[in-house]
N, C-alpha and C. Protein backbone atom coordinates (compact mmCIF):
# COMPACT_ATOMS: atom_id res chain seq x y z
N MET A 1 137.98 87.26 -6.13
CA MET A 1 137.63 87.29 -4.58
C MET A 1 136.21 86.83 -4.51
N GLU A 2 135.93 85.78 -3.72
CA GLU A 2 134.67 85.16 -3.54
C GLU A 2 133.79 86.05 -2.88
N ARG A 3 132.47 86.36 -3.22
CA ARG A 3 131.65 87.27 -2.29
C ARG A 3 131.22 86.51 -0.95
N GLU A 4 130.69 87.46 0.06
CA GLU A 4 130.54 86.88 1.41
C GLU A 4 129.43 86.16 1.19
N GLN A 5 129.32 84.99 1.94
CA GLN A 5 128.16 84.09 1.88
C GLN A 5 127.51 84.02 3.18
N ARG A 6 126.33 84.56 3.46
CA ARG A 6 125.27 84.21 4.39
C ARG A 6 124.10 83.41 3.94
N TYR A 7 123.44 82.72 4.68
CA TYR A 7 122.63 81.59 4.29
C TYR A 7 121.38 81.86 5.14
N THR A 8 120.30 82.10 4.63
CA THR A 8 119.09 81.94 5.47
C THR A 8 118.35 80.82 4.96
N PRO A 9 117.89 79.74 5.98
CA PRO A 9 117.36 78.54 5.66
C PRO A 9 115.96 78.63 4.92
N HIS A 10 115.77 77.77 3.96
CA HIS A 10 114.71 77.66 3.49
C HIS A 10 113.61 76.65 3.92
N HIS A 11 114.19 76.10 5.10
CA HIS A 11 113.50 74.90 5.58
C HIS A 11 113.44 75.37 7.20
N PRO A 12 112.94 74.53 7.90
CA PRO A 12 112.63 75.03 9.27
C PRO A 12 114.07 74.85 10.02
N GLY A 13 114.31 75.66 10.92
CA GLY A 13 115.62 75.93 11.65
C GLY A 13 115.54 74.83 12.71
N PRO A 14 116.65 74.68 13.39
CA PRO A 14 116.73 73.55 14.51
C PRO A 14 115.59 73.78 15.60
N ALA A 15 114.99 74.74 15.81
CA ALA A 15 114.05 74.93 16.95
C ALA A 15 112.41 74.38 16.25
N GLU A 16 112.52 74.29 14.90
CA GLU A 16 111.48 73.74 14.29
C GLU A 16 111.48 72.35 13.90
N SER A 17 112.64 71.82 13.95
CA SER A 17 113.11 70.58 13.37
C SER A 17 113.35 69.46 14.81
N PRO A 18 112.39 69.12 15.31
CA PRO A 18 112.80 68.37 16.53
C PRO A 18 113.71 67.25 16.49
N ALA A 19 113.88 66.59 15.54
CA ALA A 19 114.72 65.29 15.37
C ALA A 19 116.08 65.45 14.67
N GLN A 20 116.20 66.79 14.64
CA GLN A 20 117.42 67.14 13.85
C GLN A 20 118.48 68.10 14.69
N PHE A 21 119.63 67.62 14.41
CA PHE A 21 120.89 68.35 15.03
C PHE A 21 121.22 69.56 14.16
N GLY A 22 120.98 70.79 14.43
CA GLY A 22 121.17 71.91 13.55
C GLY A 22 122.80 72.28 13.34
N ILE A 23 123.37 72.55 12.12
CA ILE A 23 124.66 72.53 12.06
C ILE A 23 124.84 73.72 11.18
N LEU A 24 126.04 74.68 11.47
CA LEU A 24 126.39 75.89 10.44
C LEU A 24 127.69 75.45 9.85
N VAL A 25 127.88 75.66 8.69
CA VAL A 25 129.08 75.43 8.04
C VAL A 25 129.71 76.73 7.82
N VAL A 26 130.98 76.92 8.20
CA VAL A 26 131.75 78.04 7.99
C VAL A 26 132.94 77.81 7.18
N ASP A 27 133.14 78.30 6.05
CA ASP A 27 134.40 78.13 5.29
C ASP A 27 134.51 79.30 4.29
N ASP A 28 135.72 79.73 4.19
CA ASP A 28 135.74 80.75 2.89
C ASP A 28 135.69 80.03 1.51
N ASN A 29 135.82 78.82 1.42
CA ASN A 29 135.94 78.11 0.14
C ASN A 29 134.31 77.42 -0.27
N GLU A 30 133.81 78.03 -1.32
CA GLU A 30 132.39 77.49 -1.61
C GLU A 30 132.30 76.21 -1.98
N LEU A 31 133.47 75.58 -2.41
CA LEU A 31 133.54 73.99 -2.83
C LEU A 31 133.42 73.23 -1.37
N THR A 32 134.23 73.76 -0.63
CA THR A 32 134.17 73.02 0.83
C THR A 32 133.10 73.03 1.63
N ARG A 33 132.19 74.27 1.45
CA ARG A 33 131.16 74.47 2.11
C ARG A 33 129.97 73.50 1.36
N ARG A 34 130.03 73.36 0.10
CA ARG A 34 129.05 72.50 -0.46
C ARG A 34 129.38 70.94 -0.19
N ALA A 35 130.55 70.65 -0.07
CA ALA A 35 131.05 69.19 0.01
C ALA A 35 130.69 69.10 1.50
N LEU A 36 130.86 69.78 2.55
CA LEU A 36 130.40 69.50 3.82
C LEU A 36 128.81 69.59 3.86
N LYS A 37 128.23 70.34 3.36
CA LYS A 37 126.72 70.32 3.35
C LYS A 37 126.16 69.00 2.54
N GLY A 38 126.75 68.63 1.76
CA GLY A 38 126.28 67.22 0.85
C GLY A 38 126.60 66.19 1.78
N ILE A 39 127.71 66.13 2.76
CA ILE A 39 128.00 65.01 3.35
C ILE A 39 126.97 65.03 4.54
N LEU A 40 126.57 66.31 5.38
CA LEU A 40 125.63 66.16 6.32
C LEU A 40 124.30 66.14 5.87
N MET A 41 123.85 66.57 4.93
CA MET A 41 122.43 66.20 4.49
C MET A 41 122.18 64.95 4.20
N ARG A 42 123.15 64.22 3.89
CA ARG A 42 122.84 62.69 3.62
C ARG A 42 122.39 61.94 5.00
N ASP A 43 122.53 62.54 6.28
CA ASP A 43 122.45 61.94 7.37
C ASP A 43 121.11 62.62 7.98
N GLU A 44 120.03 61.59 8.16
CA GLU A 44 118.67 62.12 8.71
C GLU A 44 118.96 62.95 10.05
N ARG A 45 119.97 62.68 10.93
CA ARG A 45 120.05 63.28 12.34
C ARG A 45 120.42 64.74 12.14
N PHE A 46 121.18 65.23 10.97
CA PHE A 46 121.50 66.60 10.87
C PHE A 46 120.54 67.35 9.97
N SER A 47 120.68 68.51 10.17
CA SER A 47 120.10 69.61 9.53
C SER A 47 121.05 70.90 9.36
N VAL A 48 121.46 71.29 7.97
CA VAL A 48 122.19 72.22 7.91
C VAL A 48 121.33 73.53 7.93
N VAL A 49 121.38 74.32 8.97
CA VAL A 49 120.67 75.52 9.18
C VAL A 49 121.31 76.67 8.67
N GLY A 50 122.51 76.53 8.15
CA GLY A 50 123.06 77.94 7.46
C GLY A 50 124.50 77.70 7.14
N GLU A 51 124.97 78.78 6.43
CA GLU A 51 126.50 78.71 6.16
C GLU A 51 127.13 80.20 6.20
N ALA A 52 128.41 80.41 6.26
CA ALA A 52 129.12 81.61 6.51
C ALA A 52 130.44 81.20 5.75
N SER A 53 130.95 82.47 4.91
CA SER A 53 132.00 82.32 4.38
C SER A 53 133.16 83.05 4.83
N ASN A 54 132.96 83.76 6.15
CA ASN A 54 134.16 84.28 6.90
C ASN A 54 133.79 84.38 8.17
N GLY A 55 134.65 84.69 9.23
CA GLY A 55 134.51 84.83 10.58
C GLY A 55 133.50 85.44 11.26
N ALA A 56 133.36 86.86 10.65
CA ALA A 56 132.50 87.86 11.09
C ALA A 56 130.97 87.54 10.70
N SER A 57 130.86 87.01 9.51
CA SER A 57 129.54 86.41 9.31
C SER A 57 129.00 85.25 10.11
N ALA A 58 130.24 84.27 10.30
CA ALA A 58 129.82 83.17 11.25
C ALA A 58 129.33 83.69 12.62
N LEU A 59 129.94 84.54 13.34
CA LEU A 59 129.42 85.15 14.42
C LEU A 59 127.85 85.51 14.41
N GLU A 60 127.72 86.48 13.41
CA GLU A 60 126.21 86.72 13.11
C GLU A 60 125.38 85.60 13.10
N SER A 61 125.68 84.75 12.11
CA SER A 61 124.86 83.56 11.80
C SER A 61 124.58 82.69 13.31
N ILE A 62 125.78 82.37 13.93
CA ILE A 62 125.71 81.72 15.18
C ILE A 62 124.54 82.49 16.21
N SER A 63 124.75 83.75 16.06
CA SER A 63 123.70 84.56 17.24
C SER A 63 122.37 84.42 16.74
N ALA A 64 122.15 84.46 15.29
CA ALA A 64 120.85 84.40 14.78
C ALA A 64 120.15 83.11 14.66
N LEU A 65 120.82 82.08 14.43
CA LEU A 65 120.48 80.84 14.00
C LEU A 65 120.40 79.74 15.43
N ARG A 66 121.30 79.96 16.20
CA ARG A 66 121.61 79.17 17.42
C ARG A 66 121.91 77.81 16.96
N PRO A 67 122.76 77.15 16.04
CA PRO A 67 123.07 76.00 15.73
C PRO A 67 123.51 75.37 16.98
N HIS A 68 123.27 73.82 16.78
CA HIS A 68 123.95 72.92 17.86
C HIS A 68 125.51 72.79 17.66
N LEU A 69 125.88 72.76 16.62
CA LEU A 69 127.31 72.60 16.37
C LEU A 69 127.70 73.45 14.90
N VAL A 70 128.90 73.97 14.96
CA VAL A 70 129.48 74.79 13.95
C VAL A 70 130.84 74.09 13.41
N CYS A 71 130.64 73.75 12.19
CA CYS A 71 131.73 73.34 11.35
C CYS A 71 132.77 74.28 11.00
N LEU A 72 133.70 74.61 11.45
CA LEU A 72 134.55 75.78 11.43
C LEU A 72 135.92 75.89 10.77
N ASP A 73 136.31 76.53 9.46
CA ASP A 73 137.51 76.55 9.08
C ASP A 73 138.56 77.73 9.91
N VAL A 74 139.78 77.51 9.87
CA VAL A 74 140.52 78.40 10.65
C VAL A 74 141.08 79.59 9.83
N VAL A 75 141.49 79.25 8.61
CA VAL A 75 142.15 80.34 7.77
C VAL A 75 141.02 80.90 6.95
N MET A 76 140.55 82.19 7.39
CA MET A 76 139.50 82.90 6.62
C MET A 76 139.57 84.31 6.69
N PRO A 77 138.93 85.03 5.79
CA PRO A 77 138.98 86.60 5.70
C PRO A 77 138.17 87.00 6.97
N ARG A 78 138.47 88.29 7.21
CA ARG A 78 137.63 89.15 8.26
C ARG A 78 138.05 88.59 9.57
N MET A 79 137.98 87.39 9.70
CA MET A 79 138.05 87.04 11.20
C MET A 79 138.36 85.53 11.07
N ASP A 80 139.45 84.85 11.65
CA ASP A 80 139.95 83.78 11.32
C ASP A 80 139.04 82.81 12.37
N GLY A 81 139.16 81.28 12.21
CA GLY A 81 138.09 80.52 12.93
C GLY A 81 138.62 80.49 14.48
N LEU A 82 139.92 80.59 14.71
CA LEU A 82 140.10 80.45 16.24
C LEU A 82 139.56 81.71 16.89
N SER A 83 139.72 82.78 16.32
CA SER A 83 139.06 83.97 16.76
C SER A 83 137.48 83.83 17.03
N VAL A 84 136.72 83.29 16.00
CA VAL A 84 135.42 82.95 16.25
C VAL A 84 135.17 82.01 17.33
N LEU A 85 136.03 80.98 17.56
CA LEU A 85 135.87 80.11 18.63
C LEU A 85 136.13 80.87 19.98
N ARG A 86 137.11 81.61 20.03
CA ARG A 86 137.55 82.36 21.24
C ARG A 86 136.24 83.31 21.76
N LYS A 87 135.49 83.87 20.73
CA LYS A 87 134.55 84.76 20.91
C LYS A 87 133.16 84.08 21.26
N LEU A 88 133.01 83.03 20.66
CA LEU A 88 131.88 82.12 20.87
C LEU A 88 131.99 81.43 22.52
N ARG A 89 133.33 81.11 23.02
CA ARG A 89 133.42 80.65 24.28
C ARG A 89 133.29 81.84 25.30
N GLU A 90 133.50 83.16 25.04
CA GLU A 90 133.54 84.24 25.80
C GLU A 90 131.94 84.67 25.79
N MET A 91 131.11 84.22 24.90
CA MET A 91 129.83 84.51 24.87
C MET A 91 129.02 83.41 25.70
N GLN A 92 129.69 82.53 26.19
CA GLN A 92 129.36 81.24 26.81
C GLN A 92 128.18 80.39 26.23
N LEU A 93 128.17 80.34 24.95
CA LEU A 93 127.21 79.59 24.08
C LEU A 93 127.68 77.99 24.21
N SER A 94 126.92 77.24 24.46
CA SER A 94 127.23 75.83 24.49
C SER A 94 127.24 75.05 23.11
N THR A 95 127.43 75.98 22.09
CA THR A 95 127.43 75.34 20.56
C THR A 95 128.82 74.49 20.63
N ALA A 96 128.71 73.42 20.02
CA ALA A 96 129.76 72.33 19.99
C ALA A 96 130.28 73.00 18.68
N VAL A 97 131.81 73.11 18.49
CA VAL A 97 132.52 73.31 17.50
C VAL A 97 133.68 72.36 16.84
N VAL A 98 133.38 72.03 15.48
CA VAL A 98 134.45 70.90 14.88
C VAL A 98 135.26 72.06 13.95
N ILE A 99 136.58 71.81 14.20
CA ILE A 99 137.36 72.61 13.49
C ILE A 99 137.65 71.79 12.13
N VAL A 100 137.44 72.48 11.01
CA VAL A 100 137.74 71.66 9.70
C VAL A 100 138.63 72.36 8.86
N THR A 101 139.93 71.98 8.88
CA THR A 101 141.07 72.88 8.23
C THR A 101 142.13 71.90 7.64
N GLY A 102 142.68 72.63 6.78
CA GLY A 102 143.99 72.16 6.20
C GLY A 102 145.13 72.69 7.01
N GLU A 103 144.92 73.52 8.02
CA GLU A 103 146.20 74.13 8.79
C GLU A 103 146.12 73.26 10.01
N SER A 104 146.53 72.19 9.88
CA SER A 104 146.69 71.20 11.03
C SER A 104 148.06 71.12 11.76
N THR A 105 148.65 72.27 11.90
CA THR A 105 149.99 72.27 12.79
C THR A 105 149.75 72.07 14.03
N SER A 106 150.71 71.48 14.80
CA SER A 106 150.61 71.07 16.34
C SER A 106 149.99 72.30 16.97
N ASP A 107 150.57 73.56 16.89
CA ASP A 107 150.16 74.95 17.48
C ASP A 107 148.68 74.95 17.23
N VAL A 108 148.01 74.80 16.00
CA VAL A 108 146.60 75.12 15.81
C VAL A 108 145.76 74.17 16.71
N VAL A 109 146.14 73.05 16.41
CA VAL A 109 145.49 71.91 17.25
C VAL A 109 145.57 72.11 18.77
N LYS A 110 146.50 72.74 19.35
CA LYS A 110 146.63 72.86 20.70
C LYS A 110 145.96 74.15 21.16
N GLN A 111 145.72 75.10 20.18
CA GLN A 111 144.92 76.30 20.45
C GLN A 111 143.46 76.05 20.39
N ALA A 112 143.28 75.27 19.37
CA ALA A 112 141.80 74.86 19.29
C ALA A 112 141.18 74.07 20.39
N ARG A 113 142.03 73.21 20.87
CA ARG A 113 141.78 72.29 22.12
C ARG A 113 141.56 73.20 23.30
N GLU A 114 142.72 74.05 23.60
CA GLU A 114 142.65 74.98 24.73
C GLU A 114 141.39 75.96 24.81
N MET A 115 140.90 76.17 23.56
CA MET A 115 139.93 77.23 23.43
C MET A 115 138.25 76.38 23.55
N GLY A 116 138.37 75.22 23.72
CA GLY A 116 137.24 74.34 23.53
C GLY A 116 136.71 73.74 22.37
N ALA A 117 137.45 73.86 21.43
CA ALA A 117 137.01 72.90 20.18
C ALA A 117 136.56 71.44 20.59
N ASN A 118 135.49 70.77 20.20
CA ASN A 118 134.98 69.56 20.43
C ASN A 118 135.35 68.58 19.41
N GLY A 119 135.99 69.07 18.18
CA GLY A 119 136.64 67.82 17.23
C GLY A 119 137.52 68.81 16.39
N PHE A 120 138.13 67.91 15.50
CA PHE A 120 138.95 68.38 14.51
C PHE A 120 139.12 67.40 13.32
N VAL A 121 138.69 67.93 12.28
CA VAL A 121 138.80 67.24 10.83
C VAL A 121 139.97 67.99 10.22
N VAL A 122 140.67 67.10 9.46
CA VAL A 122 141.75 67.67 8.59
C VAL A 122 141.39 67.65 7.07
N LYS A 123 141.45 68.84 6.24
CA LYS A 123 141.29 68.72 4.88
C LYS A 123 142.57 68.02 4.19
N PRO A 124 142.42 67.26 3.13
CA PRO A 124 141.08 67.06 2.63
C PRO A 124 140.39 65.90 3.50
N PHE A 125 139.02 66.02 3.57
CA PHE A 125 138.42 65.10 4.40
C PHE A 125 137.59 64.18 3.68
N ASN A 126 137.02 63.28 4.27
CA ASN A 126 135.84 62.34 3.41
C ASN A 126 134.71 62.19 4.41
N ALA A 127 133.66 61.55 4.02
CA ALA A 127 132.34 61.75 4.48
C ALA A 127 132.49 60.98 5.83
N ALA A 128 133.06 59.82 5.97
CA ALA A 128 133.24 58.71 7.22
C ALA A 128 133.86 59.71 8.15
N THR A 129 135.04 60.41 7.91
CA THR A 129 135.66 61.16 8.99
C THR A 129 134.60 62.16 9.54
N VAL A 130 134.04 62.82 8.78
CA VAL A 130 133.30 64.13 9.09
C VAL A 130 131.89 63.42 10.05
N LEU A 131 131.38 62.36 9.44
CA LEU A 131 130.27 61.86 10.29
C LEU A 131 130.54 61.28 11.50
N ASN A 132 131.81 60.55 11.44
CA ASN A 132 132.20 59.77 12.77
C ASN A 132 132.66 60.93 13.72
N THR A 133 133.24 62.06 13.42
CA THR A 133 133.61 63.13 14.35
C THR A 133 132.39 63.76 15.00
N ILE A 134 131.64 64.17 14.06
CA ILE A 134 130.18 64.77 14.58
C ILE A 134 129.49 63.63 15.57
N GLY A 135 129.22 62.48 15.06
CA GLY A 135 128.66 61.39 15.82
C GLY A 135 129.28 61.15 17.08
N SER A 136 130.69 61.28 17.32
CA SER A 136 131.10 61.21 18.41
C SER A 136 131.05 62.34 19.53
N ILE A 137 130.83 63.56 18.98
CA ILE A 137 130.52 64.61 19.67
C ILE A 137 128.89 64.57 20.33
N LEU A 138 128.01 63.88 19.39
CA LEU A 138 126.83 63.75 19.89
C LEU A 138 126.84 62.76 20.90
N ARG A 139 127.47 61.90 20.85
CA ARG A 139 127.58 60.76 22.02
C ARG A 139 128.16 61.34 23.29
N ARG A 140 129.37 62.05 23.18
CA ARG A 140 129.88 62.77 24.25
C ARG A 140 129.15 63.70 24.97
N THR A 141 128.26 64.59 24.13
CA THR A 141 127.46 65.59 24.83
C THR A 141 126.13 65.01 25.37
N GLY A 142 125.86 63.86 25.02
CA GLY A 142 124.76 63.40 25.38
C GLY A 142 123.16 64.01 24.62
N PHE A 143 123.71 64.48 23.52
CA PHE A 143 122.67 65.08 22.71
C PHE A 143 121.57 63.91 22.35
N CYS A 144 120.30 64.27 22.64
CA CYS A 144 119.43 63.28 22.13
C CYS A 144 118.59 63.81 21.00
N THR A 145 118.70 63.08 19.72
CA THR A 145 117.92 63.68 18.58
C THR A 145 116.43 63.59 18.69
N THR A 146 116.03 62.80 19.81
CA THR A 146 114.63 62.59 19.99
C THR A 146 113.91 63.83 20.63
N CYS A 147 114.41 64.42 21.89
CA CYS A 147 113.85 65.31 22.37
C CYS A 147 114.75 66.73 22.25
N ARG A 148 115.93 66.64 21.72
CA ARG A 148 116.79 67.87 21.36
C ARG A 148 117.27 68.33 22.82
N GLN A 149 117.39 67.44 23.72
CA GLN A 149 118.27 67.95 24.95
C GLN A 149 119.30 67.04 25.23
N SER A 150 120.10 67.56 26.08
CA SER A 150 121.28 66.81 26.59
C SER A 150 120.92 65.83 27.71
N HIS A 151 121.12 64.58 27.99
CA HIS A 151 120.72 63.87 29.05
C HIS A 151 122.15 63.64 29.75
N ALA A 152 122.07 63.85 31.25
CA ALA A 152 123.15 63.67 31.88
C ALA A 152 123.71 62.26 32.17
N ASN A 153 122.95 61.41 31.63
CA ASN A 153 123.35 59.87 31.92
C ASN A 153 123.11 59.08 30.47
N ASP A 154 123.40 57.82 30.40
CA ASP A 154 123.24 57.30 29.32
C ASP A 154 121.83 56.60 29.00
N LEU A 155 120.94 57.07 29.84
CA LEU A 155 119.37 56.49 29.74
C LEU A 155 118.85 57.01 28.58
N ALA A 156 117.91 56.30 27.83
CA ALA A 156 117.31 56.67 26.55
C ALA A 156 116.53 57.78 26.76
N CYS A 157 115.99 58.51 25.98
CA CYS A 157 115.16 59.80 26.13
C CYS A 157 113.88 59.17 26.71
N PRO A 158 113.33 60.00 27.97
CA PRO A 158 112.14 59.32 28.59
C PRO A 158 110.89 59.41 27.47
N PRO A 159 110.06 58.39 27.53
CA PRO A 159 109.05 58.25 26.60
C PRO A 159 108.03 59.51 27.00
N VAL A 160 107.28 59.89 25.77
CA VAL A 160 106.40 60.91 25.85
C VAL A 160 104.98 60.24 25.87
N TRP A 161 104.24 60.17 26.73
CA TRP A 161 102.82 59.78 26.91
C TRP A 161 101.75 60.90 26.55
N VAL A 162 100.98 60.16 25.45
CA VAL A 162 100.01 60.96 25.15
C VAL A 162 98.44 60.52 25.60
N THR A 163 97.83 61.32 26.16
CA THR A 163 96.48 60.90 26.66
C THR A 163 95.50 61.18 25.75
N PRO A 164 94.56 60.16 25.50
CA PRO A 164 93.64 60.41 24.22
C PRO A 164 92.56 61.38 24.89
N PRO A 165 91.99 62.22 23.90
CA PRO A 165 91.05 63.20 24.59
C PRO A 165 89.77 62.62 25.12
């Protein structure tokens, strides 16, 4: 039995890393968590702000870390991923959710969509699939990695003017 995993970041979290999109990785399998973190850390737009190995720890980590996006497995101990997604939406958090699972039945996909999942990645996955899925969420939500805000239109982030002293 794998021990419960909660991760406290050793580097600045999303609030302190202005050019990065903070991501929480949630999966009961340590190898899957490592693989996802390895893929995400290769992209300078992303910062892995934490990880959790079950649904209950995921909710605690989401509340504490306030990630922009959660990579969420479905089949986990203590609370499954769809229950985490449901609670997340009940809390009315704008956190994006990508379901990353081997449980890709039409019923699971339908439930995830109805509950507001932003994307779906089927295991086994590859780096391109993960990065393309998250990249498309960034584009759809209008998230700007320059100012860490969502823009209502396709305009680039407004320039920041610095006046010399």
